[in-house]
All heavy atoms as atom14 arrays in JSON, in Angstrom:
{
  "sequence": "VSFFIGQELATLTSLDCFISTSVDLQEQVHCVQKLHHML",
  "atom14_mask": [
    [1, 1, 1, 1, 1, 1, 1, 0, 0, 0, 0, 0, 0, 0],
    [1, 1, 1, 1, 1, 1, 0, 0, 0, 0, 0, 0, 0, 0],
    [1, 1, 1, 1, 1, 1, 1, 1, 1, 1, 1, 0, 0, 0],
    [1, 1, 1, 1, 1, 1, 1, 1, 1, 1, 1, 0, 0, 0],
    [1, 1, 1, 1, 1, 1, 1, 1, 0, 0, 0, 0, 0, 0],
    [1, 1, 1, 1, 0, 0, 0, 0, 0, 0, 0, 0, 0, 0],
    [1, 1, 1, 1, 1, 1, 1, 1, 1, 0, 0, 0, 0, 0],
    [1, 1, 1, 1, 1, 1, 1, 1, 1, 0, 0, 0, 0, 0],
    [1, 1, 1, 1, 1, 1, 1, 1, 0, 0, 0, 0, 0, 0],
    [1, 1, 1, 1, 1, 0, 0, 0, 0, 0, 0, 0, 0, 0],
    [1, 1, 1, 1, 1, 1, 1, 0, 0, 0, 0, 0, 0, 0],
    [1, 1, 1, 1, 1, 1, 1, 1, 0, 0, 0, 0, 0, 0],
    [1, 1, 1, 1, 1, 1, 1, 0, 0, 0, 0, 0, 0, 0],
    [1, 1, 1, 1, 1, 1, 0, 0, 0, 0, 0, 0, 0, 0],
    [1, 1, 1, 1, 1, 1, 1, 1, 0, 0, 0, 0, 0, 0],
    [1, 1, 1, 1, 1, 1, 1, 1, 0, 0, 0, 0, 0, 0],
    [1, 1, 1, 1, 1, 1, 0, 0, 0, 0, 0, 0, 0, 0],
    [1, 1, 1, 1, 1, 1, 1, 1, 1, 1, 1, 0, 0, 0],
    [1, 1, 1, 1, 1, 1, 1, 1, 0, 0, 0, 0, 0, 0],
    [1, 1, 1, 1, 1, 1, 0, 0, 0, 0, 0, 0, 0, 0],
    [1, 1, 1, 1, 1, 1, 1, 0, 0, 0, 0, 0, 0, 0],
    [1, 1, 1, 1, 1, 1, 0, 0, 0, 0, 0, 0, 0, 0],
    [1, 1, 1, 1, 1, 1, 1, 0, 0, 0, 0, 0, 0, 0],
    [1, 1, 1, 1, 1, 1, 1, 1, 0, 0, 0, 0, 0, 0],
    [1, 1, 1, 1, 1, 1, 1, 1, 0, 0, 0, 0, 0, 0],
    [1, 1, 1, 1, 1, 1, 1, 1, 1, 0, 0, 0, 0, 0],
    [1, 1, 1, 1, 1, 1, 1, 1, 1, 0, 0, 0, 0, 0],
    [1, 1, 1, 1, 1, 1, 1, 1, 1, 0, 0, 0, 0, 0],
    [1, 1, 1, 1, 1, 1, 1, 0, 0, 0, 0, 0, 0, 0],
    [1, 1, 1, 1, 1, 1, 1, 1, 1, 1, 0, 0, 0, 0],
    [1, 1, 1, 1, 1, 1, 0, 0, 0, 0, 0, 0, 0, 0],
    [1, 1, 1, 1, 1, 1, 1, 0, 0, 0, 0, 0, 0, 0],
    [1, 1, 1, 1, 1, 1, 1, 1, 1, 0, 0, 0, 0, 0],
    [1, 1, 1, 1, 1, 1, 1, 1, 1, 0, 0, 0, 0, 0],
    [1, 1, 1, 1, 1, 1, 1, 1, 0, 0, 0, 0, 0, 0],
    [1, 1, 1, 1, 1, 1, 1, 1, 1, 1, 0, 0, 0, 0],
    [1, 1, 1, 1, 1, 1, 1, 1, 1, 1, 0, 0, 0, 0],
    [1, 1, 1, 1, 1, 1, 1, 1, 0, 0, 0, 0, 0, 0],
    [1, 1, 1, 1, 1, 1, 1, 1, 0, 0, 0, 0, 0, 0]
  ],
  "atom14_positions": [
    [[-0.64, -9.72, 16.55], [-1.62, -8.85, 15.88], [-2.61, -8.33, 16.93], [-2.98, -7.14, 16.92], [-2.35, -9.59, 14.74], [-3.53, -8.78, 14.27], [-1.4, -9.83, 13.59], [0.0, 0.0, 0.0], [0.0, 0.0, 0.0], [0.0, 0.0, 0.0], [0.0, 0.0, 0.0], [0.0, 0.0, 0.0], [0.0, 0.0, 0.0], [0.0, 0.0, 0.0]],
    [[-3.05, -9.23, 17.83], [-4.01, -8.85, 18.84], [-3.43, -7.74, 19.73], [-4.14, -6.79, 20.11], [-4.38, -10.06, 19.71], [-5.2, -9.7, 20.77], [0.0, 0.0, 0.0], [0.0, 0.0, 0.0], [0.0, 0.0, 0.0], [0.0, 0.0, 0.0], [0.0, 0.0, 0.0], [0.0, 0.0, 0.0], [0.0, 0.0, 0.0], [0.0, 0.0, 0.0]],
    [[-2.13, -7.85, 20.05], [-1.5, -6.83, 20.9], [-1.45, -5.49, 20.17], [-1.89, -4.48, 20.72], [-0.09, -7.27, 21.26], [0.74, -6.15, 21.87], [0.56, -5.81, 23.21], [1.65, -5.42, 21.1], [1.32, -4.78, 23.79], [2.38, -4.37, 21.68], [2.21, -4.07, 23.04], [0.0, 0.0, 0.0], [0.0, 0.0, 0.0], [0.0, 0.0, 0.0]],
    [[-0.9, -5.47, 18.96], [-0.7, -4.2, 18.25], [-2.04, -3.5, 17.9], [-2.16, -2.28, 18.02], [0.09, -4.4, 16.98], [1.57, -4.65, 17.26], [2.13, -5.9, 17.03], [2.35, -3.66, 17.78], [3.49, -6.14, 17.28], [3.71, -3.89, 18.05], [4.28, -5.13, 17.8], [0.0, 0.0, 0.0], [0.0, 0.0, 0.0], [0.0, 0.0, 0.0]],
    [[-3.06, -4.29, 17.54], [-4.33, -3.71, 17.21], [-5.05, -3.32, 18.51], [-5.67, -2.23, 18.6], [-5.19, -4.69, 16.39], [-4.56, -4.9, 15.02], [-6.64, -4.18, 16.26], [-5.32, -5.86, 14.12], [0.0, 0.0, 0.0], [0.0, 0.0, 0.0], [0.0, 0.0, 0.0], [0.0, 0.0, 0.0], [0.0, 0.0, 0.0], [0.0, 0.0, 0.0]],
    [[-5.01, -4.18, 19.52], [-5.66, -3.91, 20.79], [-5.11, -2.64, 21.47], [-5.86, -1.91, 22.12], [0.0, 0.0, 0.0], [0.0, 0.0, 0.0], [0.0, 0.0, 0.0], [0.0, 0.0, 0.0], [0.0, 0.0, 0.0], [0.0, 0.0, 0.0], [0.0, 0.0, 0.0], [0.0, 0.0, 0.0], [0.0, 0.0, 0.0], [0.0, 0.0, 0.0]],
    [[-3.81, -2.39, 21.33], [-3.2, -1.17, 21.9], [-3.28, 0.0, 20.94], [-2.73, 1.08, 21.23], [-1.73, -1.47, 22.23], [-1.53, -2.55, 23.27], [-2.1, -2.16, 24.6], [-1.93, -1.03, 25.09], [-2.78, -3.09, 25.25], [0.0, 0.0, 0.0], [0.0, 0.0, 0.0], [0.0, 0.0, 0.0], [0.0, 0.0, 0.0], [0.0, 0.0, 0.0]],
    [[-3.95, -0.19, 19.81], [-4.1, 0.86, 18.79], [-2.76, 1.4, 18.33], [-2.6, 2.62, 18.1], [-5.0, 1.99, 19.33], [-6.4, 1.53, 19.67], [-7.3, 2.68, 20.15], [-6.76, 3.77, 20.42], [-8.51, 2.47, 20.22], [0.0, 0.0, 0.0], [0.0, 0.0, 0.0], [0.0, 0.0, 0.0], [0.0, 0.0, 0.0], [0.0, 0.0, 0.0]],
    [[-1.83, 0.48, 18.12], [-0.51, 0.86, 17.65], [-0.34, 0.59, 16.14], [0.6, 1.06, 15.51], [0.58, 0.09, 18.4], [0.62, 0.4, 19.92], [1.68, -0.5, 20.59], [0.99, 1.87, 20.18], [0.0, 0.0, 0.0], [0.0, 0.0, 0.0], [0.0, 0.0, 0.0], [0.0, 0.0, 0.0], [0.0, 0.0, 0.0], [0.0, 0.0, 0.0]],
    [[-1.24, -0.22, 15.58], [-1.18, -0.58, 14.17], [-2.53, -1.08, 13.7], [-3.4, -1.41, 14.53], [-0.08, -1.65, 13.92], [0.0, 0.0, 0.0], [0.0, 0.0, 0.0], [0.0, 0.0, 0.0], [0.0, 0.0, 0.0], [0.0, 0.0, 0.0], [0.0, 0.0, 0.0], [0.0, 0.0, 0.0], [0.0, 0.0, 0.0], [0.0, 0.0, 0.0]],
    [[-2.7, -1.11, 12.39], [-3.93, -1.66, 11.81], [-3.62, -3.02, 11.17], [-2.44, -3.37, 10.96], [-4.47, -0.74, 10.71], [-3.49, -0.67, 9.63], [-4.72, 0.64, 11.24], [0.0, 0.0, 0.0], [0.0, 0.0, 0.0], [0.0, 0.0, 0.0], [0.0, 0.0, 0.0], [0.0, 0.0, 0.0], [0.0, 0.0, 0.0], [0.0, 0.0, 0.0]],
    [[-4.67, -3.78, 10.96], [-4.48, -5.11, 10.34], [-3.83, -4.96, 8.98], [-2.96, -5.78, 8.59], [-5.83, -5.82, 10.21], [-5.78, -7.27, 9.7], [-4.93, -8.14, 10.58], [-7.2, -7.81, 9.6], [0.0, 0.0, 0.0], [0.0, 0.0, 0.0], [0.0, 0.0, 0.0], [0.0, 0.0, 0.0], [0.0, 0.0, 0.0], [0.0, 0.0, 0.0]],
    [[-4.19, -3.92, 8.25], [-3.62, -3.71, 6.92], [-2.11, -3.47, 6.99], [-1.36, -4.02, 6.17], [-4.28, -2.48, 6.25], [-5.68, -2.71, 6.15], [-3.7, -2.25, 4.87], [0.0, 0.0, 0.0], [0.0, 0.0, 0.0], [0.0, 0.0, 0.0], [0.0, 0.0, 0.0], [0.0, 0.0, 0.0], [0.0, 0.0, 0.0], [0.0, 0.0, 0.0]],
    [[-1.66, -2.69, 7.96], [-0.22, -2.42, 8.08], [0.57, -3.65, 8.52], [1.79, -3.71, 8.3], [0.01, -1.28, 9.06], [-0.35, -1.66, 10.4], [0.0, 0.0, 0.0], [0.0, 0.0, 0.0], [0.0, 0.0, 0.0], [0.0, 0.0, 0.0], [0.0, 0.0, 0.0], [0.0, 0.0, 0.0], [0.0, 0.0, 0.0], [0.0, 0.0, 0.0]],
    [[-0.1, -4.62, 9.12], [0.57, -5.83, 9.6], [0.42, -7.01, 8.64], [0.98, -8.08, 8.88], [-0.01, -6.25, 10.97], [0.22, -5.27, 12.12], [-0.56, -5.71, 13.34], [1.72, -5.13, 12.45], [0.0, 0.0, 0.0], [0.0, 0.0, 0.0], [0.0, 0.0, 0.0], [0.0, 0.0, 0.0], [0.0, 0.0, 0.0], [0.0, 0.0, 0.0]],
    [[-0.31, -6.78, 7.52], [-0.57, -7.87, 6.56], [0.67, -8.6, 6.11], [0.68, -9.81, 5.98], [-1.32, -7.31, 5.34], [-2.84, -7.41, 5.5], [-3.26, -8.07, 6.46], [-3.54, -6.82, 4.69], [0.0, 0.0, 0.0], [0.0, 0.0, 0.0], [0.0, 0.0, 0.0], [0.0, 0.0, 0.0], [0.0, 0.0, 0.0], [0.0, 0.0, 0.0]],
    [[1.73, -7.82, 5.85], [2.93, -8.43, 5.29], [3.61, -9.38, 6.28], [4.41, -10.23, 5.88], [3.92, -7.37, 4.84], [4.52, -6.32, 6.17], [0.0, 0.0, 0.0], [0.0, 0.0, 0.0], [0.0, 0.0, 0.0], [0.0, 0.0, 0.0], [0.0, 0.0, 0.0], [0.0, 0.0, 0.0], [0.0, 0.0, 0.0], [0.0, 0.0, 0.0]],
    [[3.3, -9.24, 7.57], [3.93, -10.11, 8.61], [3.12, -11.36, 8.9], [3.65, -12.25, 9.56], [4.13, -9.32, 9.88], [4.95, -8.09, 9.73], [4.36, -6.83, 9.84], [6.31, -8.14, 9.45], [5.1, -5.66, 9.7], [7.06, -6.96, 9.3], [6.47, -5.74, 9.41], [0.0, 0.0, 0.0], [0.0, 0.0, 0.0], [0.0, 0.0, 0.0]],
    [[1.88, -11.4, 8.46], [1.02, -12.54, 8.82], [0.57, -13.34, 7.6], [-0.26, -14.22, 7.72], [-0.22, -12.05, 9.63], [-1.05, -11.07, 8.8], [0.22, -11.43, 10.93], [-2.32, -10.6, 9.5], [0.0, 0.0, 0.0], [0.0, 0.0, 0.0], [0.0, 0.0, 0.0], [0.0, 0.0, 0.0], [0.0, 0.0, 0.0], [0.0, 0.0, 0.0]],
    [[1.17, -13.08, 6.47], [0.79, -13.78, 5.24], [1.15, -15.26, 5.38], [2.21, -15.63, 5.89], [1.52, -13.18, 4.04], [1.31, -13.97, 2.88], [0.0, 0.0, 0.0], [0.0, 0.0, 0.0], [0.0, 0.0, 0.0], [0.0, 0.0, 0.0], [0.0, 0.0, 0.0], [0.0, 0.0, 0.0], [0.0, 0.0, 0.0], [0.0, 0.0, 0.0]],
    [[0.27, -16.12, 4.88], [0.54, -17.57, 4.84], [0.93, -18.03, 3.45], [1.1, -19.23, 3.2], [-0.67, -18.34, 5.31], [-1.81, -18.02, 4.5], [-1.0, -18.04, 6.75], [0.0, 0.0, 0.0], [0.0, 0.0, 0.0], [0.0, 0.0, 0.0], [0.0, 0.0, 0.0], [0.0, 0.0, 0.0], [0.0, 0.0, 0.0], [0.0, 0.0, 0.0]],
    [[1.06, -17.07, 2.51], [1.42, -17.43, 1.11], [2.92, -17.6, 0.94], [3.35, -18.03, -0.12], [0.89, -16.37, 0.17], [1.48, -15.1, 0.45], [0.0, 0.0, 0.0], [0.0, 0.0, 0.0], [0.0, 0.0, 0.0], [0.0, 0.0, 0.0], [0.0, 0.0, 0.0], [0.0, 0.0, 0.0], [0.0, 0.0, 0.0], [0.0, 0.0, 0.0]],
    [[3.72, -17.25, 1.96], [5.16, -17.42, 1.89], [5.52, -18.74, 2.56], [4.75, -19.34, 3.3], [5.91, -16.23, 2.54], [5.61, -14.97, 1.78], [5.48, -16.07, 4.01], [0.0, 0.0, 0.0], [0.0, 0.0, 0.0], [0.0, 0.0, 0.0], [0.0, 0.0, 0.0], [0.0, 0.0, 0.0], [0.0, 0.0, 0.0], [0.0, 0.0, 0.0]],
    [[6.78, -19.22, 2.33], [7.19, -20.49, 2.92], [7.37, -20.37, 4.43], [7.39, -19.27, 5.0], [8.48, -21.03, 2.27], [9.67, -20.07, 2.41], [9.76, -19.4, 3.47], [10.51, -20.03, 1.5], [0.0, 0.0, 0.0], [0.0, 0.0, 0.0], [0.0, 0.0, 0.0], [0.0, 0.0, 0.0], [0.0, 0.0, 0.0], [0.0, 0.0, 0.0]],
    [[7.56, -21.53, 5.08], [7.6, -21.56, 6.52], [8.78, -20.77, 7.08], [8.69, -20.12, 8.12], [7.68, -23.02, 7.02], [6.37, -23.79, 7.04], [6.57, -25.21, 7.51], [5.32, -23.08, 7.92], [0.0, 0.0, 0.0], [0.0, 0.0, 0.0], [0.0, 0.0, 0.0], [0.0, 0.0, 0.0], [0.0, 0.0, 0.0], [0.0, 0.0, 0.0]],
    [[9.92, -20.82, 6.37], [11.1, -20.09, 6.85], [10.83, -18.6, 6.91], [11.19, -17.92, 7.87], [12.3, -20.38, 5.95], [13.6, -19.75, 6.42], [14.04, -20.21, 7.79], [14.37, -21.38, 7.96], [14.05, -19.31, 8.75], [0.0, 0.0, 0.0], [0.0, 0.0, 0.0], [0.0, 0.0, 0.0], [0.0, 0.0, 0.0], [0.0, 0.0, 0.0]],
    [[10.18, -18.08, 5.88], [9.86, -16.66, 5.84], [8.81, -16.31, 6.91], [8.88, -15.25, 7.51], [9.35, -16.29, 4.44], [9.04, -14.81, 4.28], [10.22, -13.9, 4.58], [11.37, -14.33, 4.31], [10.0, -12.77, 5.07], [0.0, 0.0, 0.0], [0.0, 0.0, 0.0], [0.0, 0.0, 0.0], [0.0, 0.0, 0.0], [0.0, 0.0, 0.0]],
    [[7.89, -17.23, 7.18], [6.9, -16.99, 8.22], [7.59, -16.92, 9.61], [7.2, -16.14, 10.45], [5.85, -18.1, 8.22], [4.9, -18.03, 7.03], [3.79, -19.06, 7.14], [3.1, -19.13, 8.16], [3.58, -19.84, 6.09], [0.0, 0.0, 0.0], [0.0, 0.0, 0.0], [0.0, 0.0, 0.0], [0.0, 0.0, 0.0], [0.0, 0.0, 0.0]],
    [[8.6, -17.77, 9.82], [9.38, -17.7, 11.03], [10.08, -16.34, 11.19], [10.06, -15.75, 12.25], [10.42, -18.85, 11.11], [11.38, -18.66, 12.27], [9.75, -20.2, 11.2], [0.0, 0.0, 0.0], [0.0, 0.0, 0.0], [0.0, 0.0, 0.0], [0.0, 0.0, 0.0], [0.0, 0.0, 0.0], [0.0, 0.0, 0.0], [0.0, 0.0, 0.0]],
    [[10.65, -15.86, 10.08], [11.28, -14.55, 10.09], [10.27, -13.44, 10.43], [10.61, -12.5, 11.18], [11.93, -14.25, 8.74], [13.17, -15.06, 8.48], [13.72, -15.26, 7.23], [13.97, -15.75, 9.34], [14.76, -16.02, 7.31], [14.95, -16.33, 8.59], [0.0, 0.0, 0.0], [0.0, 0.0, 0.0], [0.0, 0.0, 0.0], [0.0, 0.0, 0.0]],
    [[9.07, -13.56, 9.89], [8.05, -12.56, 10.18], [7.66, -12.56, 11.67], [7.45, -11.49, 12.24], [6.79, -12.83, 9.32], [6.99, -12.46, 7.57], [0.0, 0.0, 0.0], [0.0, 0.0, 0.0], [0.0, 0.0, 0.0], [0.0, 0.0, 0.0], [0.0, 0.0, 0.0], [0.0, 0.0, 0.0], [0.0, 0.0, 0.0], [0.0, 0.0, 0.0]],
    [[7.6, -13.74, 12.25], [7.29, -13.82, 13.69], [8.44, -13.21, 14.5], [8.2, -12.54, 15.52], [7.03, -15.3, 14.09], [7.05, -15.45, 15.62], [5.69, -15.78, 13.55], [0.0, 0.0, 0.0], [0.0, 0.0, 0.0], [0.0, 0.0, 0.0], [0.0, 0.0, 0.0], [0.0, 0.0, 0.0], [0.0, 0.0, 0.0], [0.0, 0.0, 0.0]],
    [[9.68, -13.43, 14.07], [10.8, -12.83, 14.76], [10.74, -11.29, 14.7], [11.03, -10.61, 15.69], [12.14, -13.32, 14.11], [12.43, -14.77, 14.4], [13.69, -15.24, 13.64], [13.94, -14.85, 12.52], [14.5, -16.07, 14.3], [0.0, 0.0, 0.0], [0.0, 0.0, 0.0], [0.0, 0.0, 0.0], [0.0, 0.0, 0.0], [0.0, 0.0, 0.0]],
    [[10.34, -10.77, 13.56], [10.18, -9.31, 13.43], [9.11, -8.8, 14.37], [9.31, -7.79, 15.06], [9.83, -8.97, 11.97], [10.89, -9.26, 10.95], [10.4, -8.97, 9.54], [11.39, -9.33, 8.48], [10.92, -9.03, 7.12], [0.0, 0.0, 0.0], [0.0, 0.0, 0.0], [0.0, 0.0, 0.0], [0.0, 0.0, 0.0], [0.0, 0.0, 0.0]],
    [[7.94, -9.48, 14.4], [6.87, -9.07, 15.26], [7.3, -9.09, 16.74], [6.94, -8.22, 17.51], [5.65, -9.96, 15.04], [4.9, -9.78, 13.71], [3.91, -10.92, 13.49], [4.17, -8.42, 13.69], [0.0, 0.0, 0.0], [0.0, 0.0, 0.0], [0.0, 0.0, 0.0], [0.0, 0.0, 0.0], [0.0, 0.0, 0.0], [0.0, 0.0, 0.0]],
    [[8.05, -10.15, 17.1], [8.46, -10.26, 18.48], [9.45, -9.15, 18.87], [9.36, -8.59, 19.97], [9.12, -11.61, 18.76], [9.45, -11.86, 20.17], [8.49, -12.16, 21.12], [10.63, -11.74, 20.87], [9.04, -12.25, 22.3], [10.33, -12.01, 22.2], [0.0, 0.0, 0.0], [0.0, 0.0, 0.0], [0.0, 0.0, 0.0], [0.0, 0.0, 0.0]],
    [[10.33, -8.82, 17.95], [11.27, -7.72, 18.22], [10.53, -6.42, 18.45], [10.86, -5.62, 19.35], [12.29, -7.59, 17.07], [13.42, -6.68, 17.4], [14.18, -6.04, 16.41], [13.93, -6.24, 18.6], [15.08, -5.28, 16.97], [14.97, -5.4, 18.3], [0.0, 0.0, 0.0], [0.0, 0.0, 0.0], [0.0, 0.0, 0.0], [0.0, 0.0, 0.0]],
    [[9.55, -6.15, 17.56], [8.77, -4.93, 17.73], [8.01, -4.92, 19.03], [7.91, -3.89, 19.73], [7.8, -4.76, 16.54], [8.49, -4.47, 15.2], [7.37, -4.0, 13.9], [6.49, -5.53, 13.56], [0.0, 0.0, 0.0], [0.0, 0.0, 0.0], [0.0, 0.0, 0.0], [0.0, 0.0, 0.0], [0.0, 0.0, 0.0], [0.0, 0.0, 0.0]],
    [[7.47, -6.08, 19.39], [6.75, -6.19, 20.69], [7.69, -5.91, 21.83], [7.32, -5.16, 22.76], [6.16, -7.6, 20.81], [5.5, -7.91, 22.14], [4.14, -7.21, 22.22], [5.31, -9.41, 22.35], [0.0, 0.0, 0.0], [0.0, 0.0, 0.0], [0.0, 0.0, 0.0], [0.0, 0.0, 0.0], [0.0, 0.0, 0.0], [0.0, 0.0, 0.0]]
  ]
}
């Protein structure tokens, strides 16, 4: 999140779905994989 916002490539709102803690751990791992691929 720090990278995408710091580089002005995305807003916190647009990244909300990838950093939610309301989903289970497996889904959180998938979200991190998505963020890493985009990075």
